[in-house]
């Protein structure tokens, strides 16, 4: 009789938890990933087994799937739910990132409080009771192995307090500063096939890794600070010698300022035709964006040229204040010009042909700021080598290091920051294995 009563109480508890999960109003997305879905399936399988419409084997299999999903996430169930809450893209978070918490509709604030309270109860119940329920239903002699994920520090500690619902206002402020959805999960993204895709492992280059070109670096940092502080910032063209660190400098800005809401959107030349649509997609978001176009150049009459021109020059629609275009190129004049383009007085030629030529030659002037990266001389090249070698912990004599570096530059790609990096990477591995 005691066992029957215990199973009856468990059945009621399981129904309560399933009803709570189904009652989420705006945070349903939190449970829609592999961890959340495997947890729901485990509860449903337990419920069927208690009512004699499921088997113990199905319960054990469902528990294994939930365990594996947690192991793949590398987190405890509670930590995983907190991370999902912080990244959630739903009506509450979507509006919270655009306006103060006090201006949000009362019913939306109440819905968020309701859901956070339920999610906290579900998280605590799962971590305390699930393994015991599986042991009870499957009549195991001992508890099944329980996943013990590390409790990663939350960027919003109040969510780990006694009441998540009381943190709703703080959570809204977090959304406003850090974004939601993809922009909360990723600092770097690319435009691909008509949508934004997160880059899970962006280049980790730091500003301190980049030596020389200090004037160019200072101007680009200052312009980025303008953007982050709400002042008008200029579109920037970084052009010059290959391997001089133009792209690395832009990427390093992201690693320096992502915690202040900076995001980097990589757009390839083939996707530039969609640039106006990308801009409109980002216009009303609270984050600041660098649209990064690497190795830029155009053929004549390319649609991409016209799309970029619209963004740089503007239209009747106001230019967004939360984004700039940073482009790199090895060419000062971005549109290829041929001798055949030069005007000749022949029948059928354009009368004002020089205007067309000047249009091509002056396209780069539409960037508000142009930074030039001259080829590295020997002194600059060796300065970069010494800096990278010091970072890598290479302890050769100055003469030996410089001799090897110059030999490498002669035999490979010439003197540049890229060549210096390749040399130091090779040298470090070579010395480690020697």
Protein backbone atom coordinates (compact mmCIF):
# COMPACT_ATOMS: atom_id res chain seq x y z
CA UNK A 1 0.00 0.00 0.00
CA UNK A 2 2.90 2.37 0.87
CA UNK A 3 4.50 1.72 -2.53
CA UNK A 4 1.20 2.43 -4.29
CA UNK A 5 0.78 5.67 -2.36
CA UNK A 6 4.35 6.68 -3.19
CA UNK A 7 3.79 6.08 -6.91
CA UNK A 8 0.52 8.01 -6.76
CA UNK A 9 2.32 10.99 -5.21
CA UNK A 10 5.04 10.72 -7.84
CA UNK A 11 2.44 10.68 -10.62
CA UNK A 12 0.91 13.87 -9.21
CA UNK A 13 4.34 15.50 -8.95
CA UNK A 14 5.22 14.56 -12.52
CA UNK A 15 1.94 15.97 -13.80
CA UNK A 16 2.58 19.18 -11.89
CA UNK A 17 6.05 19.57 -13.43
CA UNK A 18 4.75 18.86 -16.94
CA UNK A 19 1.95 21.37 -16.46
CA UNK A 20 4.44 23.97 -15.22
CA UNK A 21 6.62 23.45 -18.29
CA UNK A 22 3.56 23.75 -20.53
CA UNK A 23 2.47 26.92 -18.72
CA UNK A 24 5.45 29.03 -19.78
CA UNK A 25 4.16 32.16 -21.48
CA UNK A 26 7.20 33.85 -23.05
CA UNK A 27 10.17 31.64 -22.15
CA UNK A 28 9.15 28.45 -23.99
CA UNK A 29 12.33 28.81 -26.08
CA UNK A 30 14.43 27.97 -23.01
CA UNK A 31 13.30 24.32 -23.20
CA UNK A 32 13.46 23.97 -26.97
CA UNK A 33 17.08 22.82 -27.25
CA UNK A 34 18.50 19.30 -26.83
CA UNK A 35 18.85 19.54 -23.05
CA UNK A 36 15.35 20.94 -22.49
CA UNK A 37 13.67 18.53 -24.89
CA UNK A 38 15.43 15.46 -23.44
CA UNK A 39 14.39 16.60 -19.96
CA UNK A 40 10.76 16.93 -21.03
CA UNK A 41 10.88 13.51 -22.70
CA UNK A 42 12.27 12.01 -19.51
CA UNK A 43 9.38 13.45 -17.46
CA UNK A 44 6.86 12.16 -20.00
CA UNK A 45 8.46 8.70 -20.03
CA UNK A 46 8.42 8.57 -16.23
CA UNK A 47 4.76 9.61 -16.23
CA UNK A 48 3.85 6.82 -18.67
CA UNK A 49 5.80 4.25 -16.66
CA UNK A 50 4.04 5.22 -13.43
CA UNK A 51 0.66 4.85 -15.15
CA UNK A 52 1.75 1.43 -16.52
CA UNK A 53 1.69 2.59 -20.15
CA UNK A 54 5.47 2.70 -20.45
CA UNK A 55 8.39 0.48 -19.52
CA UNK A 56 11.37 0.76 -17.22
CA UNK A 57 13.70 0.32 -20.19
CA UNK A 58 12.20 3.41 -21.86
CA UNK A 59 12.77 5.39 -18.67
CA UNK A 60 16.42 4.34 -18.48
CA UNK A 61 16.94 5.20 -22.14
CA UNK A 62 15.33 8.62 -21.66
CA UNK A 63 17.53 9.26 -18.62
CA UNK A 64 20.60 8.34 -20.66
CA UNK A 65 19.63 10.81 -23.39
CA UNK A 66 19.20 13.60 -20.84
CA UNK A 67 22.53 12.74 -19.18
CA UNK A 68 24.28 12.78 -22.58
CA UNK A 69 22.71 16.13 -23.52
CA UNK A 70 23.90 17.69 -20.24
CA UNK A 71 27.37 16.20 -20.71
CA UNK A 72 27.54 17.69 -24.22
CA UNK A 73 26.60 21.12 -22.84
CA UNK A 74 29.22 20.82 -20.10
CA UNK A 75 26.88 22.45 -17.58
CA UNK A 76 24.55 21.59 -14.76
CA UNK A 77 20.86 21.73 -15.61
CA UNK A 78 20.39 24.93 -13.62
CA UNK A 79 23.41 26.66 -15.20
CA UNK A 80 22.20 25.62 -18.63
CA UNK A 81 18.75 27.09 -18.01
CA UNK A 82 20.31 30.35 -16.79
CA UNK A 83 22.39 30.60 -19.96
CA UNK A 84 19.31 29.93 -22.08
CA UNK A 85 17.40 32.63 -20.19
CA UNK A 86 20.19 35.15 -20.78
CA UNK A 87 20.17 34.40 -24.52
CA UNK A 88 16.41 34.05 -24.95
CA UNK A 89 14.86 35.86 -27.89
CA UNK A 90 11.21 36.28 -26.93
CA UNK A 91 8.66 39.12 -26.70
CA UNK A 92 9.90 40.19 -23.27
CA UNK A 93 13.63 40.19 -24.05
CA UNK A 94 13.03 41.65 -27.49
CA UNK A 95 11.23 44.70 -26.09
CA UNK A 96 13.44 44.94 -22.98
CA UNK A 97 16.54 45.55 -25.11
CA UNK A 98 14.86 48.56 -26.74
CA UNK A 99 13.23 50.37 -23.84
CA UNK A 100 13.47 50.73 -20.04
CA UNK A 101 11.86 48.06 -17.89
CA UNK A 102 9.37 50.55 -16.46
CA UNK A 103 8.07 51.30 -19.97
CA UNK A 104 7.30 47.67 -20.78
CA UNK A 105 3.65 46.59 -20.69
CA UNK A 106 2.66 45.41 -17.23
CA UNK A 107 1.26 42.15 -18.57
CA UNK A 108 4.61 41.38 -20.26
CA UNK A 109 6.54 42.03 -17.05
CA UNK A 110 4.13 39.81 -15.14
CA UNK A 111 4.52 37.04 -17.72
CA UNK A 112 8.31 37.18 -17.37
CA UNK A 113 8.10 37.00 -13.56
CA UNK A 114 5.69 34.07 -13.84
CA UNK A 115 7.99 32.15 -16.19
CA UNK A 116 11.18 32.81 -14.24
CA UNK A 117 9.55 31.54 -11.07
CA UNK A 118 8.45 28.33 -12.81
CA UNK A 119 11.83 27.78 -14.45
CA UNK A 120 13.63 28.12 -11.13
CA UNK A 121 11.32 25.55 -9.54
CA UNK A 122 11.79 23.17 -12.47
CA UNK A 123 15.58 23.53 -12.30
CA UNK A 124 15.72 22.81 -8.58
CA UNK A 125 13.35 19.87 -8.88
CA UNK A 126 15.37 18.31 -11.68
CA UNK A 127 18.68 18.51 -9.84
CA UNK A 128 17.28 17.25 -6.53
CA UNK A 129 14.73 14.64 -7.54
CA UNK A 130 15.06 13.26 -11.07
CA UNK A 131 17.60 10.55 -10.33
CA UNK A 132 15.55 9.44 -7.28
CA UNK A 133 12.41 9.20 -9.42
CA UNK A 134 14.24 7.06 -11.99
CA UNK A 135 15.55 4.81 -9.20
CA UNK A 136 12.06 4.47 -7.74
CA UNK A 137 10.25 3.75 -11.02
CA UNK A 138 12.91 1.37 -12.35
CA UNK A 139 13.37 -0.33 -8.96
CA UNK A 140 17.14 0.16 -9.03
CA UNK A 141 19.34 -0.87 -6.14
CA UNK A 142 21.18 2.44 -6.25
CA UNK A 143 20.80 5.90 -7.74
CA UNK A 144 21.72 6.18 -11.41
CA UNK A 145 24.87 8.19 -12.07
CA UNK A 146 24.09 11.89 -11.76
CA UNK A 147 25.73 14.42 -14.09
CA UNK A 148 27.75 16.94 -12.09
CA UNK A 149 28.39 19.86 -14.41
CA UNK A 150 30.57 22.77 -13.28
CA UNK A 151 28.68 25.70 -11.87
CA UNK A 152 29.96 28.41 -14.20
CA UNK A 153 29.70 31.90 -12.79
CA UNK A 154 26.66 33.65 -14.17
CA UNK A 155 27.07 37.17 -15.57
CA UNK A 156 23.80 37.86 -13.78
CA UNK A 157 24.27 36.54 -10.20
CA UNK A 158 20.73 37.44 -9.14
CA UNK A 159 19.45 34.57 -11.30
CA UNK A 160 21.22 32.26 -8.87
CA UNK A 161 19.58 33.90 -5.86
CA UNK A 162 16.59 32.65 -3.92
CA UNK A 163 14.12 34.17 -6.36
CA UNK A 164 14.72 34.47 -10.09
CA UNK A 165 11.45 36.38 -10.45
CA UNK A 166 12.85 39.21 -8.33
CA UNK A 167 15.66 39.59 -10.87
CA UNK A 168 13.30 40.43 -13.74
CA UNK A 169 14.18 44.13 -13.83
CA UNK A 170 17.91 43.36 -13.68
CA UNK A 171 17.44 40.79 -16.42
CA UNK A 172 15.75 43.38 -18.62
CA UNK A 173 18.72 45.70 -18.09
CA UNK A 174 21.05 42.83 -19.06
CA UNK A 175 19.17 42.35 -22.34
CA UNK A 176 19.44 46.06 -23.04
CA UNK A 177 23.22 46.03 -22.68
CA UNK A 178 24.13 42.60 -24.05
CA UNK A 179 21.41 41.84 -26.59
CA UNK A 180 19.36 38.71 -27.09
CA UNK A 181 19.41 35.65 -29.30
CA UNK A 182 22.39 35.49 -31.65
CA UNK A 183 23.80 38.80 -30.40
CA UNK A 184 23.86 37.53 -26.82
CA UNK A 185 25.39 34.19 -27.77
CA UNK A 186 27.94 35.38 -30.36
CA UNK A 187 30.21 38.40 -30.57
CA UNK A 188 31.14 37.70 -34.21
CA UNK A 189 28.67 36.78 -36.95
CA UNK A 190 28.61 36.48 -40.72
CA UNK A 191 25.89 37.14 -43.25
CA UNK A 192 25.25 33.91 -45.11
CA UNK A 193 22.46 32.98 -47.52
CA UNK A 194 20.20 35.78 -46.37
CA UNK A 195 20.60 35.48 -42.60
CA UNK A 196 23.05 36.01 -39.78
CA UNK A 197 25.07 33.02 -38.60
CA UNK A 198 27.11 33.04 -35.38
CA UNK A 199 30.86 32.41 -35.44
CA UNK A 200 31.49 30.18 -32.43
CA UNK A 201 35.29 30.53 -32.37
CA UNK A 202 36.31 34.00 -33.61
CA UNK A 203 39.94 35.00 -34.05
CA UNK A 204 41.31 35.82 -30.59
CA UNK A 205 43.93 38.34 -31.74
CA UNK A 206 44.40 41.17 -29.24
CA UNK A 207 45.34 44.80 -29.81
CA UNK A 208 48.49 44.19 -27.77
CA UNK A 209 49.56 41.50 -30.25
CA UNK A 210 49.86 44.05 -33.06
CA UNK A 211 53.10 45.99 -33.33
CA UNK A 212 53.88 49.04 -35.50
CA UNK A 213 51.37 51.13 -37.48
CA UNK A 214 50.62 52.84 -34.15
CA UNK A 215 49.12 55.93 -35.77
CA UNK A 216 46.66 53.88 -37.81
CA UNK A 217 45.77 51.81 -34.77
CA UNK A 218 45.16 54.92 -32.65
CA UNK A 219 42.83 56.47 -35.22
CA UNK A 220 40.82 53.27 -35.66
CA UNK A 221 40.46 52.82 -31.90
CA UNK A 222 39.37 56.45 -31.52
CA UNK A 223 36.77 56.08 -34.28
CA UNK A 224 35.46 52.90 -32.64
CA UNK A 225 35.22 54.72 -29.31
CA UNK A 226 33.08 57.35 -31.06
CA UNK A 227 30.73 54.58 -32.18
CA UNK A 228 30.53 53.00 -28.74
CA UNK A 229 29.82 56.31 -27.03
CA UNK A 230 27.01 57.33 -29.37
CA UNK A 231 28.89 59.93 -31.44
CA UNK A 232 28.94 59.91 -35.24
CA UNK A 233 31.65 57.49 -36.38
CA UNK A 234 33.20 57.28 -39.83
CA UNK A 235 33.29 54.41 -42.28
CA UNK A 236 36.91 53.31 -42.61
CA UNK A 237 39.00 51.94 -45.47
CA UNK A 238 42.21 50.19 -44.41
CA UNK A 239 44.35 49.75 -47.47
CA UNK A 240 47.95 48.89 -48.19
CA UNK A 241 50.51 46.15 -48.13
CA UNK A 242 49.37 42.53 -47.82
CA UNK A 243 50.12 40.93 -44.48
CA UNK A 244 50.41 44.24 -42.67
CA UNK A 245 47.73 43.40 -40.11
CA UNK A 246 44.75 45.32 -41.50
CA UNK A 247 42.24 42.50 -40.92
CA UNK A 248 43.81 41.53 -37.59
CA UNK A 249 43.41 45.07 -36.33
CA UNK A 250 39.67 45.06 -37.05
CA UNK A 251 39.25 41.65 -35.41
CA UNK A 252 41.21 42.80 -32.37
CA UNK A 253 38.74 45.64 -31.83
CA UNK A 254 36.01 43.06 -31.26
CA UNK A 255 38.01 41.28 -28.57
CA UNK A 256 38.73 44.61 -26.88
CA UNK A 257 35.19 46.01 -26.90
CA UNK A 258 32.68 43.14 -27.14
CA UNK A 259 31.80 43.55 -23.45
CA UNK A 260 30.66 47.09 -24.27
CA UNK A 261 28.16 45.83 -26.82
CA UNK A 262 30.34 45.78 -29.93
CA UNK A 263 29.55 43.08 -32.50
CA UNK A 264 31.36 42.26 -35.75
CA UNK A 265 29.38 41.27 -38.83
CA UNK A 266 31.51 39.73 -41.58
CA UNK A 267 30.12 40.28 -45.07
CA UNK A 268 31.86 38.73 -48.06
CA UNK A 269 32.12 40.50 -51.39
CA UNK A 270 29.58 38.07 -52.89
CA UNK A 271 27.02 39.09 -50.24
CA UNK A 272 27.51 42.86 -50.53
CA UNK A 273 24.44 43.20 -52.74
CA UNK A 274 22.39 42.54 -49.60
CA UNK A 275 24.17 45.19 -47.56
CA UNK A 276 21.18 47.61 -47.42
CA UNK A 277 19.01 44.78 -46.06
CA UNK A 278 21.67 43.93 -43.47
CA UNK A 279 21.80 47.54 -42.35
CA UNK A 280 18.02 47.69 -41.89
CA UNK A 281 18.16 44.45 -39.92
CA UNK A 282 20.60 46.04 -37.45
CA UNK A 283 19.28 49.60 -37.39
CA UNK A 284 17.11 49.47 -34.27
CA UNK A 285 19.23 47.16 -32.11
CA UNK A 286 20.98 48.55 -29.02
CA UNK A 287 24.36 46.97 -29.82
CA UNK A 288 27.04 48.68 -31.91
CA UNK A 289 28.11 46.97 -35.13
CA UNK A 290 31.16 46.92 -37.35
CA UNK A 291 30.30 45.55 -40.78
CA UNK A 292 33.60 44.02 -41.83
CA UNK A 293 34.41 43.59 -45.52
CA UNK A 294 37.80 42.00 -46.14
CA UNK A 295 39.89 42.29 -49.32
CA UNK A 296 37.56 44.68 -51.10
CA UNK A 297 37.70 45.46 -54.82
CA UNK A 298 35.15 45.62 -57.64
CA UNK A 299 34.77 44.95 -61.28
CA UNK A 300 32.94 47.59 -63.29
CA UNK A 301 29.16 47.81 -62.84
CA UNK A 302 29.01 45.20 -60.09
CA UNK A 303 25.80 45.29 -58.08
CA UNK A 304 27.89 45.01 -54.91
CA UNK A 305 29.59 48.32 -55.75
CA UNK A 306 26.23 50.07 -55.98
CA UNK A 307 24.96 48.49 -52.75
CA UNK A 308 28.04 49.57 -50.81
CA UNK A 309 27.81 53.04 -52.31
CA UNK A 310 24.23 53.36 -51.01
CA UNK A 311 25.33 52.46 -47.49
CA UNK A 312 28.36 54.77 -47.53
CA UNK A 313 26.59 57.76 -49.05
CA UNK A 314 23.14 57.23 -47.61
CA UNK A 315 19.70 57.67 -49.11
CA UNK A 316 16.60 59.50 -47.97
CA UNK A 317 16.56 57.05 -45.07
CA UNK A 318 18.70 58.29 -42.17
CA UNK A 319 22.00 56.55 -41.67
CA UNK A 320 21.97 54.22 -38.62
CA UNK A 321 24.03 55.57 -35.74
CA UNK A 322 24.85 52.12 -34.39
CA UNK A 323 27.03 50.79 -37.22
CA UNK A 324 30.01 51.52 -39.42
CA UNK A 325 31.66 49.77 -42.35
CA UNK A 326 35.32 48.80 -41.93
CA UNK A 327 36.79 47.49 -45.18
CA UNK A 328 40.28 46.30 -46.04
CA UNK A 329 41.87 46.31 -49.46
CA UNK A 330 45.25 45.99 -51.12
CA UNK A 331 44.09 48.59 -53.66
CA UNK A 332 43.78 52.33 -53.08
CA UNK A 333 41.33 52.60 -55.99
CA UNK A 334 38.75 49.94 -55.27
CA UNK A 335 37.31 49.68 -58.78
CA UNK A 336 39.58 48.17 -61.39
CA UNK A 337 40.34 50.63 -64.16
CA UNK A 338 41.76 49.68 -67.56
CA UNK A 339 43.48 51.84 -70.16
CA UNK A 340 40.46 51.17 -72.33
CA UNK A 341 38.39 53.09 -69.79
CA UNK A 342 40.24 56.32 -70.58
CA UNK A 343 38.11 58.56 -72.79
CA UNK A 344 38.86 58.83 -76.49
CA UNK A 345 36.97 61.19 -78.81
CA UNK A 346 35.12 58.59 -80.87
CA UNK A 347 31.56 58.38 -82.08
CA UNK A 348 29.30 56.64 -79.66
CA UNK A 349 31.51 57.36 -76.64
CA UNK A 350 30.15 58.96 -73.51
CA UNK A 351 30.48 62.73 -73.81
CA UNK A 352 31.46 63.26 -70.19
CA UNK A 353 33.63 60.17 -69.93
CA UNK A 354 36.08 61.76 -67.53
CA UNK A 355 33.25 62.09 -65.02
CA UNK A 356 32.85 58.31 -65.13
CA UNK A 357 36.57 57.78 -64.65
CA UNK A 358 36.61 60.14 -61.69
CA UNK A 359 33.59 58.33 -60.23
CA UNK A 360 35.61 55.14 -60.22
CA UNK A 361 38.79 56.67 -58.88
CA UNK A 362 37.05 58.57 -56.09
CA UNK A 363 34.96 55.72 -54.71
CA UNK A 364 37.41 55.10 -51.86
CA UNK A 365 36.96 58.75 -50.86
CA UNK A 366 33.43 57.90 -49.77
CA UNK A 367 34.93 56.27 -46.71
CA UNK A 368 35.23 59.00 -44.11
CA UNK A 369 38.61 57.74 -42.92
CA UNK A 370 41.32 56.07 -45.00
CA UNK A 371 44.23 54.41 -43.18
CA UNK A 372 47.31 53.52 -45.18
CA UNK A 373 49.54 50.56 -44.29
CA UNK A 374 52.90 50.90 -45.98
CA UNK A 375 55.09 47.82 -46.61
CA UNK A 376 57.19 46.91 -43.59
CA UNK A 377 60.84 47.86 -43.81
CA UNK A 378 63.49 45.70 -42.16
CA UNK A 379 63.40 47.62 -38.89
CA UNK A 380 59.62 47.30 -38.59
CA UNK A 381 59.70 43.63 -39.55
CA UNK A 382 62.32 42.80 -36.91
CA UNK A 383 60.41 44.82 -34.30
CA UNK A 384 57.34 42.66 -34.94
CA UNK A 385 59.45 39.48 -34.80
CA UNK A 386 60.96 40.44 -31.43
CA UNK A 387 57.52 41.25 -30.00
CA UNK A 388 55.96 37.96 -31.14
CA UNK A 389 59.00 35.94 -30.07
CA UNK A 390 58.80 37.47 -26.59
CA UNK A 391 55.10 36.56 -26.37
CA UNK A 392 55.90 33.02 -27.49
CA UNK A 393 58.65 32.62 -24.88
CA UNK A 394 61.41 32.10 -27.45
CA UNK A 395 64.80 32.73 -25.86
CA UNK A 396 67.29 32.99 -28.71
CA UNK A 397 69.96 35.64 -28.82
CA UNK A 398 69.00 38.80 -30.65
CA UNK A 399 71.52 38.14 -33.40
CA UNK A 400 70.37 34.54 -33.92
CA UNK A 401 66.69 35.48 -33.92
CA UNK A 402 67.18 38.30 -36.40
CA UNK A 403 69.34 36.20 -38.71
CA UNK A 404 66.71 33.46 -38.83
CA UNK A 405 63.92 35.99 -39.32
CA UNK A 406 65.60 37.66 -42.25
CA UNK A 407 66.40 34.32 -43.84
CA UNK A 408 62.75 33.34 -43.48
CA UNK A 409 61.54 36.59 -45.09
CA UNK A 410 63.93 36.12 -48.00
CA UNK A 411 62.82 32.57 -48.69
CA UNK A 412 59.12 33.04 -48.11
CA UNK A 413 56.70 35.96 -48.38
CA UNK A 414 58.85 39.02 -47.84
CA UNK A 415 58.79 41.34 -44.83
CA UNK A 416 55.36 41.79 -43.26
CA UNK A 417 53.51 41.22 -40.04
CA UNK A 418 52.00 38.05 -41.48
CA UNK A 419 55.44 36.70 -42.40
CA UNK A 420 56.68 37.50 -38.90
CA UNK A 421 53.79 35.57 -37.36
CA UNK A 422 54.38 32.59 -39.61
CA UNK A 423 58.10 32.62 -38.80
CA UNK A 424 57.56 32.76 -35.03
CA UNK A 425 54.91 30.02 -35.11
CA UNK A 426 57.24 27.76 -37.08
CA UNK A 427 60.25 28.60 -34.90
CA UNK A 428 58.39 27.92 -31.66
CA UNK A 429 57.30 24.47 -32.84
CA UNK A 430 60.74 23.73 -34.29
CA UNK A 431 62.53 24.62 -31.03
CA UNK A 432 60.01 22.66 -28.94
CA UNK A 433 60.59 19.48 -30.97
CA UNK A 434 64.34 19.88 -31.40
